Amino acid sequence: MSLEEMFSDDTAPFRTVYETAQAVVNDYMTLHNCKIEKVAEQLGTTRGYLYGTLDPNQTHRPLSVDRIIEITNLTGDHRIIDSIKEALKCVDKHVQCTITDVMMVGLKIQSHTGSLSETLFEAVKDGEIDEKEGERIRRMAMDEITALYSIIGMTK
């Protein structure tokens, strides 16, 4: 059974995440007075592909964690992550900060002391990040995010 068969357009649990991503991109375009082509270029993709990843009906081209991180880093807007937290029904009553706050603290700590930081610095020594280095960095970053979510899960 496909996602389209499981959920109607208005009940899909991920729909609000896509709507939030669309709002973040639209707000960024307004703030920087630019078009979707410029945003797509900054994200290393095409206008058509970016439109597709922001469309919850195009399940063959889903909004990936990588793309969410790229959009968040580009815009500096954490609303997509916050909407994921809401979709997952994460409760903050036992924690005094949001998931975004914990993620940012963890990433700051990692950037000062961890192997991800070392890998990033090593990768840019030659002035570019090749495909193999980029994949390793993405994988390490996802491992760090997974670890943070695991820590958050233990604090509930």
Protein backbone atom coordinates (compact mmCIF):
# COMPACT_ATOMS: atom_id res chain seq x y z
CA MET A 1 0.00 0.00 0.00
CA SER A 2 1.42 3.40 -0.96
CA LEU A 3 1.40 6.55 1.15
CA GLU A 4 -1.22 8.03 -1.17
CA GLU A 5 -3.51 5.08 -0.44
CA MET A 6 -2.92 5.24 3.32
CA PHE A 7 -3.69 8.93 3.79
CA SER A 8 -6.00 11.45 2.18
CA ASP A 9 -4.53 14.83 1.27
CA ASP A 10 -5.74 16.46 4.48
CA THR A 11 -4.79 13.67 6.90
CA ALA A 12 -1.26 12.87 5.80
CA PRO A 13 0.84 13.38 8.95
CA PHE A 14 3.74 14.81 6.99
CA ARG A 15 1.69 17.42 5.11
CA THR A 16 2.37 20.14 7.67
CA VAL A 17 6.11 19.52 7.35
CA TYR A 18 5.88 20.15 3.60
CA GLU A 19 3.70 23.22 4.13
CA THR A 20 6.24 24.55 6.61
CA ALA A 21 9.10 23.89 4.18
CA GLN A 22 7.19 25.78 1.48
CA ALA A 23 6.64 28.71 3.88
CA VAL A 24 10.32 28.76 4.86
CA VAL A 25 11.43 28.85 1.22
CA ASN A 26 8.82 31.50 0.35
CA ASP A 27 9.84 33.68 3.30
CA TYR A 28 13.51 33.34 2.31
CA MET A 29 12.70 34.37 -1.28
CA THR A 30 10.76 37.39 0.00
CA LEU A 31 13.49 38.40 2.44
CA HIS A 32 16.21 38.12 -0.20
CA ASN A 33 14.07 39.32 -3.10
CA CYS A 34 14.94 36.29 -5.20
CA LYS A 35 13.17 33.62 -7.21
CA ILE A 36 12.95 29.87 -6.75
CA GLU A 37 15.69 29.38 -9.36
CA LYS A 38 18.18 31.21 -7.13
CA VAL A 39 17.18 29.16 -4.07
CA ALA A 40 17.48 25.95 -6.09
CA GLU A 41 20.93 27.01 -7.30
CA GLN A 42 22.03 27.76 -3.73
CA LEU A 43 20.80 24.30 -2.70
CA GLY A 44 22.62 22.65 -5.61
CA THR A 45 19.51 21.51 -7.45
CA THR A 46 17.11 22.65 -10.16
CA ARG A 47 13.93 24.64 -9.87
CA GLY A 48 11.81 21.68 -10.99
CA TYR A 49 13.42 19.28 -8.56
CA LEU A 50 13.07 21.74 -5.67
CA TYR A 51 9.39 22.26 -6.51
CA GLY A 52 8.98 18.48 -6.56
CA THR A 53 10.63 17.97 -3.17
CA LEU A 54 8.37 20.65 -1.66
CA ASP A 55 5.24 18.94 -3.03
CA PRO A 56 3.84 16.29 -0.64
CA ASN A 57 1.99 14.65 -3.53
CA GLN A 58 5.23 13.75 -5.31
CA THR A 59 6.19 10.81 -3.11
CA HIS A 60 8.74 9.65 -5.69
CA ARG A 61 10.73 12.80 -4.81
CA PRO A 62 10.27 13.17 -1.04
CA LEU A 63 11.55 15.99 1.12
CA SER A 64 14.64 14.29 2.54
CA VAL A 65 16.45 14.91 5.79
CA ASP A 66 19.42 16.12 3.74
CA ARG A 67 17.25 18.68 1.95
CA ILE A 68 15.67 19.82 5.23
CA ILE A 69 19.14 20.38 6.70
CA GLU A 70 20.25 22.24 3.55
CA ILE A 71 17.16 24.49 3.59
CA THR A 72 17.56 25.12 7.32
CA ASN A 73 21.24 25.99 6.94
CA LEU A 74 20.58 28.25 3.95
CA THR A 75 17.67 30.12 5.52
CA GLY A 76 18.66 29.98 9.18
CA ASP A 77 15.00 29.14 9.82
CA HIS A 78 14.30 26.12 12.06
CA ARG A 79 10.56 25.91 11.52
CA ILE A 80 10.82 22.72 9.43
CA ILE A 81 12.58 20.91 12.27
CA ASP A 82 10.00 22.24 14.70
CA SER A 83 7.17 21.00 12.47
CA ILE A 84 8.76 17.54 12.40
CA LYS A 85 8.82 17.63 16.18
CA GLU A 86 5.11 18.47 16.16
CA ALA A 87 4.33 15.72 13.63
CA LEU A 88 6.17 13.22 15.84
CA LYS A 89 4.17 14.48 18.81
CA CYS A 90 7.33 15.20 20.79
CA VAL A 91 6.53 16.62 24.19
CA ASP A 92 8.81 19.18 25.79
CA LYS A 93 7.23 19.20 29.26
CA HIS A 94 10.14 17.23 30.76
CA VAL A 95 12.76 19.23 28.90
CA GLN A 96 13.33 22.96 29.25
CA CYS A 97 14.36 23.45 25.62
CA THR A 98 13.18 22.48 22.15
CA ILE A 99 14.60 19.71 20.01
CA THR A 100 16.09 22.41 17.79
CA ASP A 101 17.92 23.88 20.81
CA VAL A 102 19.34 20.49 21.77
CA MET A 103 20.37 19.77 18.18
CA MET A 104 22.12 23.13 17.90
CA VAL A 105 23.97 22.66 21.20
CA GLY A 106 25.01 19.16 20.16
CA LEU A 107 26.23 20.35 16.78
CA LYS A 108 28.15 23.23 18.39
CA ILE A 109 29.81 20.80 20.79
CA GLN A 110 30.57 18.45 17.91
CA SER A 111 32.03 21.29 15.85
CA HIS A 112 34.55 22.05 18.59
CA THR A 113 35.52 18.58 19.74
CA GLY A 114 34.30 15.85 17.45
CA SER A 115 35.36 13.82 14.50
CA LEU A 116 32.77 15.52 12.26
CA SER A 117 34.63 18.79 12.73
CA GLU A 118 37.96 17.14 12.00
CA THR A 119 36.52 15.50 8.88
CA LEU A 120 35.13 18.84 7.67
CA PHE A 121 38.45 20.64 8.17
CA GLU A 122 40.36 17.82 6.48
CA ALA A 123 37.93 17.82 3.53
CA VAL A 124 38.35 21.54 2.80
CA LYS A 125 42.16 21.59 3.02
CA ASP A 126 42.45 21.20 -0.74
CA GLY A 127 39.84 23.90 -1.39
CA GLU A 128 36.99 21.58 -2.42
CA ILE A 129 34.86 18.75 -1.13
CA ASP A 130 34.68 15.85 -3.55
CA GLU A 131 31.72 13.47 -3.80
CA LYS A 132 33.27 10.83 -1.53
CA GLU A 133 34.12 13.41 1.15
CA GLY A 134 30.65 14.94 0.89
CA GLU A 135 28.99 11.57 1.36
CA ARG A 136 31.15 10.81 4.40
CA ILE A 137 30.34 14.20 5.94
CA ARG A 138 26.59 13.73 5.29
CA ARG A 139 26.70 10.26 6.83
CA MET A 140 28.58 11.50 9.90
CA ALA A 141 26.19 14.43 10.33
CA MET A 142 23.20 12.11 10.13
CA ASP A 143 24.81 9.82 12.73
CA GLU A 144 25.22 12.81 15.04
CA ILE A 145 21.60 13.89 14.53
CA THR A 146 20.42 10.34 15.16
CA ALA A 147 22.45 10.25 18.37
CA LEU A 148 20.93 13.54 19.52
CA TYR A 149 17.41 12.27 18.86
CA SER A 150 18.29 9.18 20.87
CA ILE A 151 19.41 11.37 23.77
CA ILE A 152 16.23 13.42 23.50
CA GLY A 153 14.17 10.23 23.55
CA MET A 154 15.83 9.24 26.83
CA THR A 155 14.93 12.60 28.44
CA LYS A 156 11.17 12.26 27.92
